[in-house]
Amino acid sequence: MSFDLYFYKRKDSPLTEEQVAAYLTKNLAYNISDHERQWHYENPETGVYFLIDWNTPEDDQESVEIFDHFADYQNLNFSCSINFFRPRFFAYEIFPVIEKFISDLDLFVLDLQDATEPNYPKKFPAGYIQDEWIRHNDGVTLDHFANLNFEYLSAEKSGYLWQFQFQRDSIQNSLTEDLFVAGYFLLKSKEDGQLYTACVWPTHISIILPPVDFLIVKKQYKKLFRTIEETGLIAYDTVLDEFADEFEDYPHEIPNLKVFRNTGSGKIKKKFNALKLGKTVSEFGSGIGLDNFVNVRP
């Protein structure tokens, strides 16, 4: 089930389908498609994806009456598909891309999901289609929640997760010191079936952390001439309490980030290796994809 948009131009516009295709090939980020008539946006950091297709013109009479009967607009045979049953942040990432595409090429949009009558290609206000997708997505998610057994994470929590993941690479690339910017994981608990956020903190490295439920702590130390490796979950707040003097606020437009700088002191290493680990990830539960949950429930 998807939300579909169809793109048009004014009949007096010189824009060609080939020019639209060239624009997408040049400008659409995260395109993983090697098909010359499809563009597949998929951001590996956020899990957000959508498709744009260059379609073969319809000759079916019913389709012609729906898509090709407009006096002032010509169908460019390009369409965009955004899946439903997804977190709301899909809209926050996708629709600014779509709106720029529309603006740059002076396109008009046929939105068959729009309740406005009559339905014809339009210029919609900024944010209108984004809000419409969110409304439809929430509605169909609630309608199918029980029978499709969705995973749930609050819109507030997942919105922060997306904001951080969307900027994670740019934060990492802007650093002038040796710090690792941790990435989010989602874990489903075997015990209560709820979703929890986590980041990995390996061997007390210098790190920037977003607020999460758990840290996946990885220890490595020597014992009786052997190297011991241990991994387990620890509550984020517990770690911040234990390292209260070492974690600092990291100034950024994304709030509540923390930074730990390893000074190389033996005291820090000893304190890190003394942390009491909880369950391993596999004991705790299982990983969930960043696109594999919803933000509403009955």
Protein backbone atom coordinates (compact mmCIF):
# COMPACT_ATOMS: atom_id res chain seq x y z
CA MET A 1 0.00 0.00 0.00
CA SER A 2 1.54 3.29 -1.07
CA PHE A 3 0.99 7.02 -1.50
CA ASP A 4 1.41 7.92 -5.17
CA LEU A 5 2.02 11.24 -6.89
CA TYR A 6 2.05 11.98 -10.64
CA PHE A 7 4.01 14.80 -12.25
CA TYR A 8 2.87 17.17 -15.02
CA LYS A 9 3.98 20.29 -16.86
CA ARG A 10 2.03 23.07 -18.52
CA LYS A 11 1.44 22.21 -22.16
CA ASP A 12 3.42 25.24 -23.30
CA SER A 13 6.49 24.22 -21.24
CA PRO A 14 9.53 23.08 -23.26
CA LEU A 15 10.51 20.56 -20.54
CA THR A 16 11.01 17.02 -21.89
CA GLU A 17 10.81 13.66 -20.16
CA GLU A 18 14.48 13.13 -20.95
CA GLN A 19 15.35 16.35 -19.11
CA VAL A 20 13.40 15.17 -16.06
CA ALA A 21 15.31 11.87 -16.14
CA ALA A 22 18.64 13.70 -16.44
CA TYR A 23 17.76 15.93 -13.48
CA LEU A 24 16.96 12.93 -11.28
CA THR A 25 20.11 11.07 -12.27
CA LYS A 26 22.22 14.11 -11.41
CA ASN A 27 20.45 15.35 -8.30
CA LEU A 28 18.67 12.54 -6.44
CA ALA A 29 20.83 11.51 -3.49
CA TYR A 30 21.17 7.92 -2.27
CA ASN A 31 19.97 6.49 -5.59
CA ILE A 32 20.69 2.74 -5.51
CA SER A 33 18.89 1.85 -8.76
CA ASP A 34 20.83 0.97 -11.89
CA HIS A 35 17.65 0.96 -14.00
CA GLU A 36 17.48 3.86 -16.44
CA ARG A 37 13.75 4.38 -15.82
CA GLN A 38 13.68 4.12 -12.03
CA TRP A 39 15.30 6.10 -9.20
CA HIS A 40 15.40 4.44 -5.79
CA TYR A 41 16.28 6.78 -2.91
CA GLU A 42 17.48 4.82 0.13
CA ASN A 43 19.36 6.50 2.96
CA PRO A 44 21.43 3.86 4.82
CA GLU A 45 21.68 6.05 7.93
CA THR A 46 17.94 6.59 8.44
CA GLY A 47 16.32 3.67 6.59
CA VAL A 48 14.16 6.12 4.60
CA TYR A 49 13.38 5.16 1.00
CA PHE A 50 11.02 5.94 -1.88
CA LEU A 51 10.76 5.34 -5.63
CA ILE A 52 10.39 7.55 -8.68
CA ASP A 53 9.43 5.75 -11.91
CA TRP A 54 9.48 6.87 -15.54
CA ASN A 55 6.41 5.08 -16.83
CA THR A 56 5.35 3.95 -20.27
CA PRO A 57 2.42 6.08 -21.50
CA GLU A 58 -0.96 4.48 -20.83
CA ASP A 59 -3.20 3.39 -23.69
CA ASP A 60 -5.95 1.89 -21.53
CA GLN A 61 -9.00 4.14 -21.95
CA GLU A 62 -9.83 4.24 -18.25
CA SER A 63 -6.27 5.27 -17.37
CA VAL A 64 -6.23 7.87 -20.15
CA GLU A 65 -9.39 9.42 -18.71
CA ILE A 66 -7.77 9.65 -15.26
CA PHE A 67 -4.28 10.82 -16.21
CA ASP A 68 -4.37 12.41 -19.69
CA HIS A 69 -7.57 14.44 -20.04
CA PHE A 70 -6.36 17.81 -18.73
CA ALA A 71 -6.68 20.77 -21.10
CA ASP A 72 -3.74 22.77 -19.73
CA TYR A 73 -1.37 20.07 -18.45
CA GLN A 74 0.69 17.32 -20.05
CA ASN A 75 1.51 14.09 -18.25
CA LEU A 76 5.29 13.65 -17.99
CA ASN A 77 4.82 9.94 -17.13
CA PHE A 78 6.82 10.24 -13.92
CA SER A 79 5.36 9.04 -10.63
CA CYS A 80 6.54 8.83 -7.05
CA SER A 81 5.61 6.08 -4.56
CA ILE A 82 6.01 6.33 -0.77
CA ASN A 83 5.01 3.33 1.31
CA PHE A 84 2.56 3.50 4.18
CA PHE A 85 3.01 1.73 7.54
CA ARG A 86 6.18 3.70 8.20
CA PRO A 87 7.38 6.11 10.92
CA ARG A 88 6.44 9.74 10.41
CA PHE A 89 10.04 10.76 9.82
CA PHE A 90 9.77 9.23 6.33
CA ALA A 91 7.75 12.35 5.50
CA TYR A 92 10.28 14.72 7.09
CA GLU A 93 13.05 13.38 4.86
CA ILE A 94 11.20 12.58 1.63
CA PHE A 95 8.93 15.54 0.98
CA PRO A 96 11.58 18.28 1.09
CA VAL A 97 13.32 16.28 -1.68
CA ILE A 98 10.06 16.02 -3.66
CA GLU A 99 9.22 19.70 -3.16
CA LYS A 100 12.65 20.76 -4.44
CA PHE A 101 12.20 18.49 -7.50
CA ILE A 102 8.82 20.12 -8.17
CA SER A 103 10.16 23.65 -7.68
CA ASP A 104 13.32 23.20 -9.73
CA LEU A 105 11.46 21.84 -12.78
CA ASP A 106 8.24 23.88 -12.34
CA LEU A 107 6.14 20.73 -12.08
CA PHE A 108 2.48 20.25 -11.19
CA VAL A 109 1.26 17.34 -9.09
CA LEU A 110 -1.74 15.09 -9.51
CA ASP A 111 -2.50 13.73 -6.06
CA LEU A 112 -5.37 11.25 -6.23
CA GLN A 113 -5.34 10.91 -2.44
CA ASP A 114 -6.27 14.59 -2.06
CA ALA A 115 -9.90 15.16 -1.08
CA THR A 116 -10.09 18.46 -2.99
CA GLU A 117 -12.40 18.40 -6.00
CA PRO A 118 -12.03 18.59 -8.91
CA ASN A 119 -8.79 16.63 -8.95
CA TYR A 120 -6.30 18.07 -11.41
CA PRO A 121 -2.54 18.82 -11.43
CA LYS A 122 -1.76 21.55 -8.89
CA LYS A 123 0.89 23.53 -7.08
CA PHE A 124 0.41 22.63 -3.42
CA PRO A 125 1.53 24.85 -0.52
CA ALA A 126 4.82 23.89 1.13
CA GLY A 127 4.28 21.06 3.60
CA TYR A 128 0.76 20.24 2.36
CA ILE A 129 1.56 16.88 0.75
CA GLN A 130 3.86 15.96 3.64
CA ASP A 131 1.04 16.54 6.13
CA GLU A 132 -1.35 14.61 3.88
CA TRP A 133 0.96 11.56 3.80
CA ILE A 134 1.29 11.67 7.60
CA ARG A 135 -2.50 11.82 7.98
CA HIS A 136 -3.10 8.92 5.57
CA ASN A 137 -0.21 6.89 7.00
CA ASP A 138 -1.51 7.29 10.56
CA GLY A 139 -5.01 6.35 9.44
CA VAL A 140 -4.17 3.15 7.57
CA THR A 141 -1.74 2.15 10.32
CA LEU A 142 -4.48 2.37 12.93
CA ASP A 143 -6.88 0.48 10.64
CA HIS A 144 -4.44 -2.42 10.23
CA PHE A 145 -2.58 -2.30 13.54
CA ALA A 146 -4.12 -5.42 15.08
CA ASN A 147 -3.93 -7.76 12.09
CA LEU A 148 -0.46 -6.69 10.89
CA ASN A 149 1.13 -6.75 14.37
CA PHE A 150 3.20 -3.57 13.99
CA GLU A 151 6.10 -2.59 16.23
CA TYR A 152 5.57 0.78 17.94
CA LEU A 153 7.89 3.61 18.95
CA SER A 154 6.65 7.05 19.98
CA ALA A 155 6.78 9.84 17.40
CA GLU A 156 8.86 11.98 19.77
CA LYS A 157 11.49 9.29 20.33
CA SER A 158 11.71 8.24 16.68
CA GLY A 159 11.75 11.85 15.50
CA TYR A 160 14.85 12.52 17.58
CA LEU A 161 16.41 9.28 16.35
CA TRP A 162 15.84 10.35 12.74
CA GLN A 163 17.16 13.88 13.30
CA PHE A 164 20.37 12.46 14.75
CA GLN A 165 20.85 9.74 12.14
CA PHE A 166 20.12 12.20 9.31
CA GLN A 167 22.97 14.44 10.50
CA ARG A 168 25.31 11.79 11.90
CA ASP A 169 27.64 11.71 8.88
CA SER A 170 27.87 15.50 8.72
CA ILE A 171 28.70 15.66 12.44
CA GLN A 172 31.40 13.02 12.00
CA ASN A 173 32.88 14.72 8.94
CA SER A 174 32.96 18.14 10.61
CA LEU A 175 35.01 16.99 13.60
CA THR A 176 38.56 18.25 14.02
CA GLU A 177 39.37 15.85 16.86
CA ASP A 178 39.44 12.07 17.10
CA LEU A 179 35.87 11.30 18.18
CA PHE A 180 33.48 8.57 17.04
CA VAL A 181 29.84 9.57 16.48
CA ALA A 182 27.77 6.59 17.60
CA GLY A 183 24.78 5.38 15.58
CA TYR A 184 21.39 4.20 16.75
CA PHE A 185 20.20 0.61 17.05
CA LEU A 186 16.67 -0.50 17.86
CA LEU A 187 16.17 -3.57 20.04
CA LYS A 188 12.95 -5.45 20.75
CA SER A 189 12.89 -6.88 24.26
CA LYS A 190 12.06 -10.57 24.69
CA GLU A 191 10.72 -9.75 28.13
CA ASP A 192 8.11 -7.08 27.42
CA GLY A 193 7.99 -6.85 23.61
CA GLN A 194 8.79 -3.11 23.65
CA LEU A 195 11.33 -1.29 21.48
CA TYR A 196 14.41 0.26 23.07
CA THR A 197 17.14 2.49 21.63
CA ALA A 198 20.82 1.65 21.94
CA CYS A 199 24.32 2.69 20.84
CA VAL A 200 27.60 0.79 20.92
CA TRP A 201 30.45 2.07 23.13
CA PRO A 202 33.54 -0.06 22.42
CA THR A 203 36.63 -0.17 24.66
CA HIS A 204 36.17 3.27 26.26
CA ILE A 205 36.92 5.12 23.01
CA SER A 206 36.30 8.85 22.69
CA ILE A 207 32.71 9.17 21.55
CA ILE A 208 29.71 11.43 20.94
CA LEU A 209 26.46 9.85 22.13
CA PRO A 210 22.79 10.70 21.67
CA PRO A 211 20.45 9.87 24.56
CA VAL A 212 19.42 6.19 24.37
CA ASP A 213 17.92 3.57 26.65
CA PHE A 214 20.99 1.32 26.64
CA LEU A 215 24.64 1.34 25.71
CA ILE A 216 26.08 -1.83 24.22
CA VAL A 217 29.41 -1.82 26.04
CA LYS A 218 32.35 -3.77 24.64
CA LYS A 219 35.25 -4.50 26.99
CA GLN A 220 38.65 -5.89 26.10
CA TYR A 221 41.31 -6.55 28.75
CA LYS A 222 44.16 -8.88 29.69
CA LYS A 223 43.76 -11.61 32.30
CA LEU A 224 46.31 -14.35 32.98
CA PHE A 225 48.08 -13.70 29.67
CA ARG A 226 44.81 -13.94 27.76
CA THR A 227 42.75 -11.24 26.06
CA ILE A 228 39.22 -11.23 27.44
CA GLU A 229 36.36 -9.73 25.43
CA GLU A 230 32.94 -9.07 26.96
CA THR A 231 29.84 -7.38 25.60
CA GLY A 232 26.61 -6.47 27.36
CA LEU A 233 23.92 -3.88 27.83
CA ILE A 234 24.06 -1.16 30.46
CA ALA A 235 21.43 1.52 31.02
CA TYR A 236 22.54 4.83 29.51
CA ASP A 237 21.80 6.73 32.72
CA THR A 238 23.91 4.27 34.73
CA VAL A 239 26.93 4.90 32.51
CA LEU A 240 26.49 8.67 32.72
CA ASP A 241 26.32 8.42 36.50
CA GLU A 242 29.48 6.28 36.66
CA PHE A 243 31.35 8.68 34.36
CA ALA A 244 29.77 11.89 35.61
CA ASP A 245 33.12 13.69 35.62
CA GLU A 246 34.10 12.51 32.13
CA PHE A 247 30.95 13.06 30.02
CA GLU A 248 30.23 16.62 28.93
CA ASP A 249 27.45 18.29 26.97
CA TYR A 250 28.29 18.46 23.27
CA PRO A 251 27.13 21.78 21.76
CA HIS A 252 25.01 21.20 18.66
CA GLU A 253 21.61 22.14 17.21
CA ILE A 254 20.52 18.58 18.09
CA PRO A 255 19.97 18.81 21.84
CA ASN A 256 21.19 16.51 24.63
CA LEU A 257 24.29 15.09 22.96
CA LYS A 258 27.11 13.95 25.24
CA VAL A 259 30.83 13.67 24.53
CA PHE A 260 33.43 11.50 26.25
CA ARG A 261 37.10 12.17 25.61
CA ASN A 262 39.46 9.38 26.60
CA THR A 263 42.54 10.96 28.12
CA GLY A 264 44.36 7.63 28.19
CA SER A 265 44.53 7.54 31.96
CA GLY A 266 44.62 4.21 33.75
CA LYS A 267 41.81 5.42 36.00
CA ILE A 268 39.37 5.64 33.09
CA LYS A 269 40.36 2.22 31.77
CA LYS A 270 39.93 0.67 35.21
CA LYS A 271 36.54 2.33 35.71
CA PHE A 272 35.35 1.21 32.26
CA ASN A 273 36.41 -2.41 32.80
CA ALA A 274 34.70 -2.39 36.20
CA LEU A 275 31.30 -1.65 34.64
CA LYS A 276 28.83 -4.42 35.43
CA LEU A 277 27.43 -5.70 32.14
CA GLY A 278 23.86 -6.85 31.73
CA LYS A 279 22.44 -9.15 29.08
CA THR A 280 24.01 -9.56 25.67
CA VAL A 281 22.02 -8.24 22.73
CA SER A 282 20.86 -11.76 21.79
CA GLU A 283 19.82 -12.46 25.39
CA PHE A 284 17.94 -9.16 25.58
CA GLY A 285 16.06 -9.50 22.30
CA SER A 286 16.47 -8.84 18.60
CA GLY A 287 17.33 -5.95 16.31
CA ILE A 288 14.63 -3.99 14.46
CA GLY A 289 15.21 -2.01 11.24
CA LEU A 290 14.85 1.77 11.41
CA ASP A 291 12.01 1.57 8.87
CA ASN A 292 10.21 -1.29 10.57
CA PHE A 293 7.96 0.37 13.14
CA VAL A 294 5.11 2.87 13.36
CA ASN A 295 4.31 5.92 15.50
CA VAL A 296 0.61 5.41 16.26
CA ARG A 297 -1.36 2.65 17.96
CA PRO A 298 -4.98 2.19 19.03
